[in-house]
C-alpha atoms as a PDB file:
ATOM      1  CA  UNK A   1      87.979  92.932  85.390  1.00  0.00           C
ATOM      2  CA  UNK A   2      86.669  96.039  86.590  1.00  0.00           C
ATOM      3  CA  UNK A   3      86.672  99.741  85.392  1.00  0.00           C
ATOM      4  CA  UNK A   4      87.664 102.572  87.518  1.00  0.00           C
ATOM      5  CA  UNK A   5      87.384 106.181  86.004  1.00  0.00           C
ATOM      6  CA  UNK A   6      88.102 107.994  89.344  1.00  0.00           C
ATOM      7  CA  UNK A   7      90.442 107.735  92.427  1.00  0.00           C
ATOM      8  CA  UNK A   8      87.397 107.018  94.502  1.00  0.00           C
ATOM      9  CA  UNK A   9      86.420 104.010  92.149  1.00  0.00           C
ATOM     10  CA  UNK A  10      89.997 102.804  92.194  1.00  0.00           C
ATOM     11  CA  UNK A  11      90.037 102.936  95.994  1.00  0.00           C
ATOM     12  CA  UNK A  12      86.701 101.090  95.984  1.00  0.00           C
ATOM     13  CA  UNK A  13      88.149  98.381  93.746  1.00  0.00           C
ATOM     14  CA  UNK A  14      91.102  97.900  96.362  1.00  0.00           C
ATOM     15  CA  UNK A  15      88.472  97.647  99.167  1.00  0.00           C
ATOM     16  CA  UNK A  16      86.663  94.923  97.465  1.00  0.00           C
ATOM     17  CA  UNK A  17      89.835  93.082  96.787  1.00  0.00           C
ATOM     18  CA  UNK A  18      90.914  93.339 100.478  1.00  0.00           C
ATOM     19  CA  UNK A  19      88.074  90.931 101.598  1.00  0.00           C
ATOM     20  CA  UNK A  20      89.974  88.319  99.579  1.00  0.00           C
ATOM     21  CA  UNK A  21      93.262  88.664 101.315  1.00  0.00           C
ATOM     22  CA  UNK A  22      94.551  86.626 104.103  1.00  0.00           C
ATOM     23  CA  UNK A  23      97.692  86.527 106.150  1.00  0.00           C
ATOM     24  CA  UNK A  24     100.536  85.180 103.903  1.00  0.00           C
ATOM     25  CA  UNK A  25      99.166  86.595 100.680  1.00  0.00           C
ATOM     26  CA  UNK A  26     101.581  88.116  98.244  1.00  0.00           C
ATOM     27  CA  UNK A  27     100.063  90.800  95.888  1.00  0.00           C
ATOM     28  CA  UNK A  28     102.031  91.990  92.946  1.00  0.00           C
ATOM     29  CA  UNK A  29     100.788  95.324  91.405  1.00  0.00           C
ATOM     30  CA  UNK A  30     101.705  95.962  87.794  1.00  0.00           C
ATOM     31  CA  UNK A  31     100.998  99.105  85.833  1.00  0.00           C
ATOM     32  CA  UNK A  32     102.814 102.060  84.214  1.00  0.00           C
ATOM     33  CA  UNK A  33     103.654 105.196  86.219  1.00  0.00           C
ATOM     34  CA  UNK A  34     100.504 106.839  87.212  1.00  0.00           C
ATOM     35  CA  UNK A  35      98.321 103.871  86.600  1.00  0.00           C
ATOM     36  CA  UNK A  36      96.685 103.881  90.295  1.00  0.00           C
ATOM     37  CA  UNK A  37      98.830 101.185  91.994  1.00  0.00           C
ATOM     38  CA  UNK A  38      99.214 103.105  95.217  1.00  0.00           C
ATOM     39  CA  UNK A  39      95.525 104.558  95.030  1.00  0.00           C
ATOM     40  CA  UNK A  40      94.459 100.669  94.803  1.00  0.00           C
ATOM     41  CA  UNK A  41      96.477  99.930  97.890  1.00  0.00           C
ATOM     42  CA  UNK A  42      94.835 102.798  99.700  1.00  0.00           C
ATOM     43  CA  UNK A  43      91.486 100.971  99.215  1.00  0.00           C
ATOM     44  CA  UNK A  44      93.145  97.698 100.440  1.00  0.00           C
ATOM     45  CA  UNK A  45      94.634  99.471 103.597  1.00  0.00           C
ATOM     46  CA  UNK A  46      91.242 101.124 104.331  1.00  0.00           C
ATOM     47  CA  UNK A  47      89.935  97.553 105.157  1.00  0.00           C
ATOM     48  CA  UNK A  48      93.231  95.807 106.504  1.00  0.00           C
ATOM     49  CA  UNK A  49      94.692  98.718 108.372  1.00  0.00           C
ATOM     50  CA  UNK A  50      92.062 101.482 108.574  1.00  0.00           C
ATOM     51  CA  UNK A  51      94.235 104.020 110.473  1.00  0.00           C
ATOM     52  CA  UNK A  52      96.803 103.949 107.773  1.00  0.00           C
ATOM     53  CA  UNK A  53      97.680 106.986 105.867  1.00  0.00           C
ATOM     54  CA  UNK A  54      99.016 105.366 102.746  1.00  0.00           C
ATOM     55  CA  UNK A  55     101.538 107.017 100.538  1.00  0.00           C
ATOM     56  CA  UNK A  56     103.854 105.725  97.947  1.00  0.00           C
ATOM     57  CA  UNK A  57     106.889 103.972  99.213  1.00  0.00           C
ATOM     58  CA  UNK A  58     109.052 104.884  96.149  1.00  0.00           C
ATOM     59  CA  UNK A  59     111.670 106.780  98.238  1.00  0.00           C
ATOM     60  CA  UNK A  60     111.541 104.828 101.422  1.00  0.00           C
ATOM     61  CA  UNK A  61     111.287 101.364  99.593  1.00  0.00           C
ATOM     62  CA  UNK A  62     108.692 100.092 102.237  1.00  0.00           C
ATOM     63  CA  UNK A  63     105.848 101.238 104.308  1.00  0.00           C
ATOM     64  CA  UNK A  64     104.260  99.099 107.345  1.00  0.00           C
ATOM     65  CA  UNK A  65     100.731  99.455 108.210  1.00  0.00           C
ATOM     66  CA  UNK A  66      99.463  97.672 111.294  1.00  0.00           C
ATOM     67  CA  UNK A  67      95.849  96.434 111.311  1.00  0.00           C
ATOM     68  CA  UNK A  68      93.901  94.719 113.982  1.00  0.00           C
ATOM     69  CA  UNK A  69      94.442  91.207 112.658  1.00  0.00           C
ATOM     70  CA  UNK A  70      97.423  91.448 110.500  1.00  0.00           C
ATOM     71  CA  UNK A  71     100.419  93.576 109.201  1.00  0.00           C
ATOM     72  CA  UNK A  72     100.320  94.994 105.717  1.00  0.00           C
ATOM     73  CA  UNK A  73     103.769  95.653 104.031  1.00  0.00           C
ATOM     74  CA  UNK A  74     103.588  98.065 100.992  1.00  0.00           C
ATOM     75  CA  UNK A  75     106.927  97.639  99.013  1.00  0.00           C
ATOM     76  CA  UNK A  76     108.103  99.496  95.904  1.00  0.00           C
ATOM     77  CA  UNK A  77     110.820  97.758  93.975  1.00  0.00           C
ATOM     78  CA  UNK A  78     111.205 100.701  91.425  1.00  0.00           C
ATOM     79  CA  UNK A  79     114.687 101.691  92.944  1.00  0.00           C
ATOM     80  CA  UNK A  80     115.968  98.311  93.857  1.00  0.00           C
ATOM     81  CA  UNK A  81     119.024  97.262  91.903  1.00  0.00           C
ATOM     82  CA  UNK A  82     119.836  93.721  92.924  1.00  0.00           C
ATOM     83  CA  UNK A  83     118.485  90.252  93.972  1.00  0.00           C
ATOM     84  CA  UNK A  84     120.348  90.595  97.083  1.00  0.00           C
ATOM     85  CA  UNK A  85     118.333  93.858  98.069  1.00  0.00           C
ATOM     86  CA  UNK A  86     115.232  91.903  97.476  1.00  0.00           C
ATOM     87  CA  UNK A  87     116.169  89.215  99.855  1.00  0.00           C
ATOM     88  CA  UNK A  88     117.425  91.720 102.439  1.00  0.00           C
ATOM     89  CA  UNK A  89     113.866  92.890 102.627  1.00  0.00           C
ATOM     90  CA  UNK A  90     112.918  89.542 103.987  1.00  0.00           C
ATOM     91  CA  UNK A  91     109.516  89.089 102.134  1.00  0.00           C
ATOM     92  CA  UNK A  92     109.275  85.529 103.260  1.00  0.00           C
ATOM     93  CA  UNK A  93     109.279  86.612 107.069  1.00  0.00           C
ATOM     94  CA  UNK A  94     106.626  89.410 106.277  1.00  0.00           C
ATOM     95  CA  UNK A  95     104.193  86.733 104.731  1.00  0.00           C
ATOM     96  CA  UNK A  96     104.257  84.842 108.032  1.00  0.00           C
ATOM     97  CA  UNK A  97     102.345  87.875 109.756  1.00  0.00           C
ATOM     98  CA  UNK A  98     100.776  89.814 106.989  1.00  0.00           C
ATOM     99  CA  UNK A  99     100.018  90.663 103.467  1.00  0.00           C
ATOM    100  CA  UNK A 100     102.673  91.985 101.186  1.00  0.00           C
ATOM    101  CA  UNK A 101     101.815  94.313  98.426  1.00  0.00           C
ATOM    102  CA  UNK A 102     104.604  94.930  95.841  1.00  0.00           C
ATOM    103  CA  UNK A 103     104.781  97.738  93.287  1.00  0.00           C
ATOM    104  CA  UNK A 104     107.050  97.108  90.335  1.00  0.00           C
ATOM    105  CA  UNK A 105     107.476  93.364  90.930  1.00  0.00           C
ATOM    106  CA  UNK A 106     108.742  92.868  87.347  1.00  0.00           C
ATOM    107  CA  UNK A 107     112.208  94.148  88.271  1.00  0.00           C
ATOM    108  CA  UNK A 108     112.472  90.609  89.983  1.00  0.00           C
ATOM    109  CA  UNK A 109     110.702  88.126  87.822  1.00  0.00           C
ATOM    110  CA  UNK A 110     111.661  85.297  90.428  1.00  0.00           C
ATOM    111  CA  UNK A 111     108.757  86.710  92.795  1.00  0.00           C
ATOM    112  CA  UNK A 112     106.194  85.418  90.212  1.00  0.00           C
ATOM    113  CA  UNK A 113     107.283  81.882  91.079  1.00  0.00           C
ATOM    114  CA  UNK A 114     105.879  82.339  94.638  1.00  0.00           C
ATOM    115  CA  UNK A 115     102.066  81.885  95.007  1.00  0.00           C
ATOM    116  CA  UNK A 116     100.370  85.390  94.559  1.00  0.00           C
ATOM    117  CA  UNK A 117      97.632  87.719  93.359  1.00  0.00           C
ATOM    118  CA  UNK A 118      98.223  89.705  90.224  1.00  0.00           C
ATOM    119  CA  UNK A 119      96.810  93.175  90.099  1.00  0.00           C
ATOM    120  CA  UNK A 120      97.180  94.687  86.726  1.00  0.00           C
ATOM    121  CA  UNK A 121      96.053  98.234  86.199  1.00  0.00           C
ATOM    122  CA  UNK A 122      95.937  99.517  82.555  1.00  0.00           C
ATOM    123  CA  UNK A 123      95.035 103.039  81.646  1.00  0.00           C
ATOM    124  CA  UNK A 124      92.726 103.872  78.884  1.00  0.00           C
ATOM    125  CA  UNK A 125      91.913 107.512  78.516  1.00  0.00           C
ATOM    126  CA  UNK A 126      90.677 108.782  81.793  1.00  0.00           C
ATOM    127  CA  UNK A 127      89.904 105.402  83.137  1.00  0.00           C
ATOM    128  CA  UNK A 128      91.624 102.119  84.631  1.00  0.00           C
ATOM    129  CA  UNK A 129      91.081  98.732  83.860  1.00  0.00           C
ATOM    130  CA  UNK A 130      91.863  96.520  86.797  1.00  0.00           C
ATOM    131  CA  UNK A 131      92.484  92.897  86.246  1.00  0.00           C
ATOM    132  CA  UNK A 132      92.935  90.566  89.410  1.00  0.00           C
ATOM    133  CA  UNK A 133      94.068  86.951  89.127  1.00  0.00           C
ATOM    134  CA  UNK A 134      95.235  84.449  91.582  1.00  0.00           C
ATOM    135  CA  UNK A 135      98.363  82.668  90.519  1.00  0.00           C
END
């Protein structure tokens, strides 16, 4: 578990985590609104897709960032309503050529049955505690 008390520290935690990721990895990002999920993804992207300008995919559902070795898919399930919408996204195909990072995965608990990384961001005062686990 690491502590991040600024956006820069949250981005740095994402950078460090990116070195663990390989093609086919699914990352489930959990935390309340404003916990720093997208900021953490910015750090991951700075390593995997350095030219990416990461922004929240809340309104577009998904953003795709191409790196030199793989594709990074950043998905936000906050607005999804049905399991069919989830499978319409074709996550299993994305895992074949890249890394998939999902915000708000709790809307579809069946995702947790797949092998994945869990990134849990908890807010405490002005800081975030970031807990990363492989499941």
